[in-house]
Amino acid sequence: MKLSSAQSQALLQILNNRFEKHMHRHQGLKWEKIQTKLEANPEKLWSLHQMEQTGGEPDVVTYDKKTDIYVFCDCSKESPNGRRSLCYDAVALESRKKFKPKNNAMDVATAMGIELLSVDQYQDLQKLEAIDLKTSSWVKTPEDVRALGGALFGDNRFGKVFIYHNGAESYYAARGFRGVLFV
């Protein structure tokens, strides 16, 4: 899972342009350091390409100085279009007898090399800018909730961020998932 040189350069240019356009997401960070780290980790660049190709518009949202890790999230205004109409996980997908969705959020995220946002990460992203005004996004669900058949998702309505629950086997055209990648 590696991009060609041309694909890598094209993606780095897209990410750089987005980085420069949305400085409020990562004040004080320098693109050159991020690019150097990405070039040293081609598998991470591949994952960012997957995020970009499915409509996520990934961007850096934080940096951890202690661990020297940059955190990229899907920053698209609405839940990424190429990752909608998915139930929560493989167990939920298997439990559907009729009208199964094409896949599930957890497996798609794993295949992309990313993770679903946690509730806290989702809420932090919403502090940077309002997202999911018309859509919703699955978020990592605690095991105790999942064991009872449920899964969590979030959205932004009426100027407030809401975290809700649904049956994990449910899926909707306006619900996808947002990913996080640690570089």
Protein backbone atom coordinates (compact mmCIF):
# COMPACT_ATOMS: atom_id res chain seq x y z
CA MET A 1 0.00 0.00 0.00
CA LYS A 2 2.15 2.73 -1.36
CA LEU A 3 1.43 5.64 -3.65
CA SER A 4 3.40 6.37 -6.77
CA SER A 5 5.73 9.36 -6.65
CA ALA A 6 3.29 11.39 -8.76
CA GLN A 7 0.34 10.45 -6.51
CA SER A 8 2.34 11.33 -3.40
CA GLN A 9 3.34 14.73 -4.76
CA ALA A 10 -0.22 15.51 -5.87
CA LEU A 11 -1.61 14.54 -2.46
CA LEU A 12 1.04 16.53 -0.60
CA GLN A 13 0.09 19.58 -2.66
CA ILE A 14 -3.61 19.12 -1.82
CA LEU A 15 -2.80 18.69 1.88
CA ASN A 16 -0.48 21.71 1.86
CA ASN A 17 -3.13 23.90 0.20
CA ARG A 18 -5.74 22.77 2.73
CA PHE A 19 -3.30 23.32 5.60
CA GLU A 20 -2.62 26.91 4.45
CA LYS A 21 -6.31 27.65 3.85
CA HIS A 22 -7.44 26.46 7.31
CA MET A 23 -4.76 27.69 9.72
CA HIS A 24 -7.33 27.92 12.54
CA ARG A 25 -7.20 24.12 12.76
CA HIS A 26 -3.47 24.00 13.56
CA GLN A 27 -2.14 27.34 14.73
CA GLY A 28 1.60 27.43 15.28
CA LEU A 29 2.38 24.34 13.20
CA LYS A 30 4.69 24.39 10.17
CA TRP A 31 3.81 22.46 7.02
CA GLU A 32 7.45 21.63 6.21
CA LYS A 33 7.81 19.50 9.37
CA ILE A 34 4.54 17.70 8.65
CA GLN A 35 5.52 17.01 5.04
CA THR A 36 8.90 15.62 6.12
CA LYS A 37 7.17 13.26 8.53
CA LEU A 38 4.65 12.18 5.88
CA GLU A 39 7.38 11.50 3.33
CA ALA A 40 9.13 9.29 5.90
CA ASN A 41 5.89 7.29 6.44
CA PRO A 42 4.50 6.31 3.02
CA GLU A 43 1.85 4.03 4.59
CA LYS A 44 0.39 7.09 6.36
CA LEU A 45 0.38 8.99 3.09
CA TRP A 46 -1.51 6.07 1.54
CA SER A 47 -4.13 6.27 4.32
CA LEU A 48 -4.48 10.02 3.81
CA HIS A 49 -4.99 9.33 0.10
CA GLN A 50 -7.82 6.94 1.00
CA MET A 51 -9.36 9.61 3.23
CA GLU A 52 -9.10 12.15 0.42
CA GLN A 53 -10.50 9.81 -2.24
CA THR A 54 -13.60 9.08 -0.15
CA GLY A 55 -14.35 12.77 0.45
CA GLY A 56 -12.91 13.26 3.92
CA GLU A 57 -10.74 16.31 3.22
CA PRO A 58 -8.16 15.30 5.86
CA ASP A 59 -6.23 18.02 7.67
CA VAL A 60 -3.97 18.34 10.70
CA VAL A 61 -6.00 19.21 13.80
CA THR A 62 -3.41 18.85 16.57
CA TYR A 63 0.15 17.97 17.43
CA ASP A 64 1.42 16.15 20.51
CA LYS A 65 4.89 17.48 21.37
CA LYS A 66 5.62 14.68 23.85
CA THR A 67 5.10 11.91 21.31
CA ASP A 68 5.93 13.96 18.18
CA ILE A 69 2.63 12.88 16.60
CA TYR A 70 0.50 14.91 14.22
CA VAL A 71 -3.21 14.10 14.24
CA PHE A 72 -5.14 14.23 10.97
CA CYS A 73 -8.96 14.09 10.90
CA ASP A 74 -11.59 14.18 8.20
CA CYS A 75 -12.57 17.85 8.11
CA SER A 76 -15.19 17.74 5.34
CA LYS A 77 -18.25 19.85 6.13
CA GLU A 78 -20.48 16.77 5.98
CA SER A 79 -19.72 13.12 6.70
CA PRO A 80 -17.46 11.84 3.88
CA ASN A 81 -19.66 10.98 0.92
CA GLY A 82 -17.66 7.90 -0.04
CA ARG A 83 -18.15 6.38 3.42
CA ARG A 84 -21.90 6.60 3.96
CA SER A 85 -24.67 4.00 4.09
CA LEU A 86 -22.61 1.73 6.33
CA CYS A 87 -23.68 -0.03 9.50
CA TYR A 88 -21.32 0.13 12.49
CA ASP A 89 -19.32 -3.13 12.46
CA ALA A 90 -19.06 -6.67 11.06
CA VAL A 91 -21.29 -8.16 13.76
CA ALA A 92 -24.00 -5.65 12.90
CA LEU A 93 -23.60 -6.33 9.18
CA GLU A 94 -23.89 -10.08 9.74
CA SER A 95 -27.01 -9.64 11.90
CA ARG A 96 -28.94 -8.02 9.05
CA LYS A 97 -30.99 -10.58 7.19
CA LYS A 98 -32.48 -8.23 4.57
CA PHE A 99 -31.30 -5.07 2.85
CA LYS A 100 -27.72 -5.34 4.02
CA PRO A 101 -25.51 -2.29 3.47
CA LYS A 102 -22.46 -2.71 1.26
CA ASN A 103 -20.07 -2.73 4.24
CA ASN A 104 -19.51 -1.50 7.79
CA ALA A 105 -17.66 1.51 9.18
CA MET A 106 -15.17 -0.36 11.36
CA ASP A 107 -13.94 -2.64 8.58
CA VAL A 108 -13.71 0.18 6.05
CA ALA A 109 -11.70 2.28 8.52
CA THR A 110 -9.34 -0.63 9.20
CA ALA A 111 -8.85 -1.24 5.47
CA MET A 112 -7.98 2.46 5.08
CA GLY A 113 -5.47 2.33 7.94
CA ILE A 114 -7.44 4.79 10.07
CA GLU A 115 -9.69 4.71 13.15
CA LEU A 116 -13.14 6.10 13.80
CA LEU A 117 -13.11 9.26 15.87
CA SER A 118 -13.80 8.83 19.56
CA VAL A 119 -16.60 10.87 21.10
CA ASP A 120 -14.01 13.29 22.55
CA GLN A 121 -12.20 13.63 19.21
CA TYR A 122 -15.52 14.27 17.46
CA GLN A 123 -16.45 16.96 19.97
CA ASP A 124 -12.99 18.54 19.71
CA LEU A 125 -13.28 18.65 15.92
CA GLN A 126 -16.65 20.39 16.29
CA LYS A 127 -14.91 23.07 18.42
CA LEU A 128 -12.70 23.92 15.43
CA GLU A 129 -15.66 24.33 13.09
CA ALA A 130 -19.23 23.14 12.75
CA ILE A 131 -19.46 19.85 10.85
CA ASP A 132 -22.22 17.34 10.13
CA LEU A 133 -24.94 19.98 9.85
CA LYS A 134 -26.96 17.78 7.47
CA THR A 135 -25.31 14.39 8.01
CA SER A 136 -24.16 12.30 10.96
CA SER A 137 -21.07 10.22 11.65
CA TRP A 138 -20.51 6.97 13.54
CA VAL A 139 -18.04 7.35 16.43
CA LYS A 140 -16.13 4.73 18.43
CA THR A 141 -18.64 3.07 20.70
CA PRO A 142 -17.84 1.82 24.22
CA GLU A 143 -17.86 -1.98 24.52
CA ASP A 144 -20.69 -1.99 27.07
CA VAL A 145 -22.98 -0.11 24.67
CA ARG A 146 -21.90 -2.25 21.74
CA ALA A 147 -22.48 -5.47 23.74
CA LEU A 148 -26.13 -4.45 24.08
CA GLY A 149 -26.50 -3.98 20.30
CA GLY A 150 -26.07 -0.22 20.18
CA ALA A 151 -23.61 2.15 18.53
CA LEU A 152 -23.02 5.89 18.86
CA PHE A 153 -23.05 8.64 16.25
CA GLY A 154 -22.81 12.40 16.34
CA ASP A 155 -24.08 15.41 14.47
CA ASN A 156 -24.52 19.15 14.84
CA ARG A 157 -28.04 20.55 14.98
CA PHE A 158 -29.42 23.83 16.27
CA GLY A 159 -25.89 25.03 17.03
CA LYS A 160 -25.24 22.09 19.39
CA VAL A 161 -23.23 18.90 19.07
CA PHE A 162 -25.28 15.80 19.84
CA ILE A 163 -24.12 12.25 20.48
CA TYR A 164 -26.91 9.74 19.96
CA HIS A 165 -27.39 6.02 19.90
CA ASN A 166 -28.83 3.69 17.32
CA GLY A 167 -28.88 -0.02 16.64
CA ALA A 168 -25.44 -0.89 15.27
CA GLU A 169 -27.05 -2.62 12.30
CA SER A 170 -28.78 0.56 11.13
CA TYR A 171 -27.48 2.53 8.17
CA TYR A 172 -28.58 5.68 6.43
CA ALA A 173 -27.66 7.54 3.27
CA ALA A 174 -26.73 10.57 5.38
CA ARG A 175 -24.60 8.69 7.96
CA GLY A 176 -20.98 7.82 7.43
CA PHE A 177 -17.90 8.00 9.58
CA ARG A 178 -14.97 10.31 10.12
CA GLY A 179 -11.49 8.98 10.56
CA VAL A 180 -8.43 9.91 12.54
CA LEU A 181 -4.82 9.16 11.58
CA PHE A 182 -1.76 9.55 13.81
CA VAL A 183 1.45 10.46 11.98
